[in-house]
N, C-alpha and C. Protein backbone atom coordinates (compact mmCIF):
# COMPACT_ATOMS: atom_id res chain seq x y z
N MET A 1 90.29 3.66 125.13
CA MET A 1 89.64 4.97 125.17
C MET A 1 90.57 5.98 125.82
N THR A 2 90.48 7.15 125.33
CA THR A 2 91.31 8.20 125.91
C THR A 2 90.56 8.84 127.07
N THR A 3 91.29 9.60 127.82
CA THR A 3 90.69 10.29 128.96
C THR A 3 89.64 11.28 128.49
N LYS A 4 89.88 11.89 127.35
CA LYS A 4 88.93 12.85 126.79
C LYS A 4 87.59 12.18 126.48
N ASN A 5 87.62 11.00 125.88
CA ASN A 5 86.40 10.27 125.55
C ASN A 5 85.66 9.84 126.81
N ILE A 6 86.39 9.40 127.81
CA ILE A 6 85.75 8.99 129.07
C ILE A 6 85.05 10.17 129.71
N LEU A 7 85.70 11.31 129.74
CA LEU A 7 85.08 12.51 130.32
C LEU A 7 83.86 12.94 129.51
N ARG A 8 83.96 12.86 128.19
CA ARG A 8 82.86 13.24 127.33
C ARG A 8 81.65 12.31 127.56
N ASN A 9 81.90 11.01 127.68
CA ASN A 9 80.82 10.06 127.94
C ASN A 9 80.18 10.29 129.32
N GLY A 10 81.01 10.63 130.29
CA GLY A 10 80.49 10.92 131.63
C GLY A 10 79.60 12.15 131.64
N ILE A 11 79.98 13.18 130.90
CA ILE A 11 79.18 14.39 130.82
C ILE A 11 77.88 14.11 130.09
N THR A 12 77.92 13.30 129.05
CA THR A 12 76.71 12.93 128.32
C THR A 12 75.74 12.19 129.22
N LEU A 13 76.23 11.24 130.02
CA LEU A 13 75.37 10.51 130.95
C LEU A 13 74.76 11.44 131.99
N GLN A 14 75.55 12.41 132.43
CA GLN A 14 75.05 13.36 133.42
C GLN A 14 73.93 14.21 132.82
N ARG A 15 74.06 14.60 131.57
CA ARG A 15 73.00 15.38 130.92
C ARG A 15 71.72 14.57 130.78
N VAL A 16 71.85 13.29 130.44
CA VAL A 16 70.67 12.43 130.32
C VAL A 16 69.99 12.30 131.66
N ARG A 17 70.75 12.11 132.73
CA ARG A 17 70.17 12.00 134.06
C ARG A 17 69.47 13.29 134.46
N ASN A 18 70.07 14.43 134.15
CA ASN A 18 69.47 15.71 134.49
C ASN A 18 68.14 15.89 133.75
N LYS A 19 68.08 15.47 132.48
CA LYS A 19 66.83 15.61 131.72
C LYS A 19 65.76 14.68 132.26
N ARG A 20 66.15 13.50 132.71
CA ARG A 20 65.17 12.58 133.30
C ARG A 20 64.59 13.18 134.57
N GLY A 21 65.42 13.76 135.39
CA GLY A 21 64.94 14.40 136.61
C GLY A 21 64.06 15.59 136.31
N GLN A 22 64.42 16.35 135.31
CA GLN A 22 63.62 17.50 134.91
C GLN A 22 62.26 17.04 134.40
N THR A 23 62.23 15.98 133.62
CA THR A 23 60.97 15.46 133.10
C THR A 23 60.09 14.96 134.24
N LEU A 24 60.68 14.31 135.22
CA LEU A 24 59.93 13.82 136.36
C LEU A 24 59.31 14.98 137.14
N VAL A 25 60.05 16.04 137.33
CA VAL A 25 59.53 17.21 138.03
C VAL A 25 58.40 17.85 137.23
N GLU A 26 58.55 17.91 135.92
CA GLU A 26 57.49 18.50 135.09
C GLU A 26 56.21 17.67 135.18
N TYR A 27 56.34 16.35 135.13
CA TYR A 27 55.16 15.50 135.26
C TYR A 27 54.51 15.66 136.64
N ALA A 28 55.32 15.78 137.67
CA ALA A 28 54.78 15.97 139.01
C ALA A 28 54.03 17.30 139.12
N LEU A 29 54.56 18.34 138.51
CA LEU A 29 53.87 19.65 138.54
C LEU A 29 52.56 19.60 137.76
N ILE A 30 52.55 18.93 136.63
CA ILE A 30 51.32 18.80 135.84
C ILE A 30 50.28 18.02 136.63
N LEU A 31 50.70 16.93 137.27
CA LEU A 31 49.78 16.13 138.08
C LEU A 31 49.23 16.94 139.25
N ALA A 32 50.07 17.73 139.90
CA ALA A 32 49.61 18.57 141.00
C ALA A 32 48.60 19.61 140.51
N PHE A 33 48.85 20.20 139.36
CA PHE A 33 47.94 21.19 138.80
C PHE A 33 46.59 20.57 138.48
N ILE A 34 46.61 19.40 137.85
CA ILE A 34 45.36 18.72 137.50
C ILE A 34 44.60 18.34 138.77
N SER A 35 45.31 17.91 139.80
CA SER A 35 44.65 17.56 141.06
C SER A 35 43.99 18.76 141.70
N VAL A 36 44.67 19.89 141.71
CA VAL A 36 44.10 21.10 142.30
C VAL A 36 42.86 21.54 141.53
N VAL A 37 42.92 21.51 140.22
CA VAL A 37 41.76 21.89 139.40
C VAL A 37 40.60 20.92 139.63
N GLY A 38 40.89 19.63 139.69
CA GLY A 38 39.84 18.64 139.91
C GLY A 38 39.19 18.78 141.27
N ILE A 39 39.98 18.97 142.31
CA ILE A 39 39.43 19.12 143.65
C ILE A 39 38.59 20.38 143.75
N SER A 40 39.07 21.50 143.20
CA SER A 40 38.28 22.74 143.28
C SER A 40 36.99 22.63 142.48
N THR A 41 37.02 21.91 141.37
CA THR A 41 35.80 21.71 140.59
C THR A 41 34.79 20.89 141.38
N LEU A 42 35.27 19.83 142.03
CA LEU A 42 34.38 19.00 142.83
C LEU A 42 33.80 19.78 144.01
N ILE A 43 34.60 20.61 144.63
CA ILE A 43 34.10 21.41 145.76
C ILE A 43 33.05 22.40 145.27
N ALA A 44 33.30 23.04 144.14
CA ALA A 44 32.36 24.04 143.62
C ALA A 44 31.05 23.41 143.19
N THR A 45 31.12 22.28 142.52
CA THR A 45 29.89 21.65 142.05
C THR A 45 29.23 20.78 143.12
N GLY A 46 29.99 20.43 144.16
CA GLY A 46 29.45 19.58 145.21
C GLY A 46 28.27 20.21 145.92
N THR A 47 28.34 21.50 146.20
CA THR A 47 27.23 22.17 146.88
C THR A 47 26.01 22.24 145.97
N GLN A 48 26.21 22.44 144.68
CA GLN A 48 25.09 22.47 143.75
C GLN A 48 24.43 21.09 143.65
N ILE A 49 25.25 20.06 143.58
CA ILE A 49 24.71 18.69 143.50
C ILE A 49 23.96 18.35 144.78
N LYS A 50 24.51 18.75 145.92
CA LYS A 50 23.84 18.50 147.20
C LYS A 50 22.49 19.20 147.23
N GLY A 51 22.43 20.43 146.74
CA GLY A 51 21.17 21.16 146.69
C GLY A 51 20.16 20.47 145.79
N THR A 52 20.62 19.96 144.68
CA THR A 52 19.71 19.25 143.75
C THR A 52 19.15 18.00 144.39
N PHE A 53 19.99 17.22 145.05
CA PHE A 53 19.50 16.01 145.71
C PHE A 53 18.58 16.34 146.88
N THR A 54 18.84 17.43 147.58
CA THR A 54 17.96 17.85 148.67
C THR A 54 16.59 18.21 148.13
N THR A 55 16.55 18.92 147.01
CA THR A 55 15.27 19.28 146.38
C THR A 55 14.52 18.04 145.94
N ILE A 56 15.21 17.11 145.31
CA ILE A 56 14.58 15.86 144.88
C ILE A 56 14.04 15.09 146.07
N ASP A 57 14.82 15.03 147.14
CA ASP A 57 14.40 14.30 148.33
C ASP A 57 13.16 14.93 148.95
N SER A 58 13.13 16.24 149.05
CA SER A 58 11.97 16.89 149.65
C SER A 58 10.73 16.74 148.77
N GLN A 59 10.90 16.78 147.46
CA GLN A 59 9.75 16.59 146.56
C GLN A 59 9.23 15.15 146.63
N LEU A 60 10.12 14.18 146.73
CA LEU A 60 9.68 12.80 146.88
C LEU A 60 8.97 12.57 148.22
N ALA A 61 9.47 13.21 149.26
CA ALA A 61 8.85 13.06 150.58
C ALA A 61 7.46 13.68 150.59
N SER A 62 7.31 14.85 149.97
CA SER A 62 5.99 15.49 149.95
C SER A 62 5.03 14.72 149.04
N ALA A 63 5.51 14.12 147.97
CA ALA A 63 4.66 13.31 147.10
C ALA A 63 4.24 12.03 147.81
N GLY A 64 5.12 11.47 148.61
CA GLY A 64 4.81 10.25 149.34
C GLY A 64 3.80 10.50 150.45
N ASN A 65 3.80 11.68 151.06
CA ASN A 65 2.87 12.00 152.13
C ASN A 65 1.47 12.27 151.59
N GLY A 66 1.35 12.81 150.41
CA GLY A 66 0.05 13.15 149.85
C GLY A 66 -0.60 12.02 149.10
N GLY A 67 0.13 10.98 148.75
CA GLY A 67 -0.41 9.89 147.95
C GLY A 67 -0.92 8.75 148.79
N ALA A 68 -1.18 7.63 148.17
CA ALA A 68 -1.67 6.44 148.86
C ALA A 68 -0.56 5.84 149.70
N ALA A 69 -0.97 5.04 150.65
CA ALA A 69 0.01 4.38 151.52
C ALA A 69 0.83 3.40 150.68
N PRO A 70 2.09 3.27 150.98
CA PRO A 70 2.92 2.34 150.19
C PRO A 70 2.48 0.91 150.43
N ALA A 71 2.63 0.06 149.41
CA ALA A 71 2.23 -1.34 149.50
C ALA A 71 3.17 -2.07 150.43
N THR A 72 2.62 -2.95 151.25
CA THR A 72 3.45 -3.73 152.15
C THR A 72 3.68 -5.11 151.56
N GLY A 73 4.48 -5.90 152.20
CA GLY A 73 4.85 -7.21 151.70
C GLY A 73 3.79 -8.26 151.91
N GLY A 74 2.61 -7.93 152.40
CA GLY A 74 1.56 -8.92 152.61
C GLY A 74 1.50 -9.35 154.06
N SER A 75 1.20 -10.62 154.30
CA SER A 75 1.01 -11.12 155.66
C SER A 75 2.33 -11.45 156.35
N GLY A 76 3.40 -11.44 155.61
CA GLY A 76 4.69 -11.71 156.20
C GLY A 76 5.00 -13.18 156.33
N SER A 77 4.27 -14.04 155.64
CA SER A 77 4.49 -15.49 155.75
C SER A 77 5.34 -16.03 154.63
N GLY A 78 6.15 -15.21 154.03
CA GLY A 78 7.03 -15.68 152.95
C GLY A 78 6.32 -15.60 151.61
N SER A 79 6.22 -16.72 150.91
CA SER A 79 5.68 -16.71 149.55
C SER A 79 4.16 -16.70 149.52
N GLY A 80 3.50 -16.99 150.63
CA GLY A 80 2.06 -16.97 150.65
C GLY A 80 1.43 -18.30 150.29
N HIS A 81 2.21 -19.27 149.95
CA HIS A 81 1.69 -20.60 149.61
C HIS A 81 1.70 -21.49 150.85
N GLY A 82 0.70 -22.32 150.98
CA GLY A 82 0.67 -23.25 152.11
C GLY A 82 1.67 -24.37 151.90
N GLY A 83 2.12 -24.95 152.96
CA GLY A 83 3.08 -25.96 152.70
C GLY A 83 2.97 -27.09 153.55
């Protein structure tokens, strides 16, 4: 191989390495963007979901207070059969 070919091959390898690094940075930026969007979406909808569960909880509590007493497990002797 001549010196020219060796230099040309070295430059080609350097370009490939540079493109790999560039691709890695692009993937990292895309991942960071998706993470930021996902976290902000969860924060925004989190308060709405919390409000919905609070409403459900309060409605269940008020329904439980106005209705019949909840059934208990019986006498507490296990299966209830003599042994």
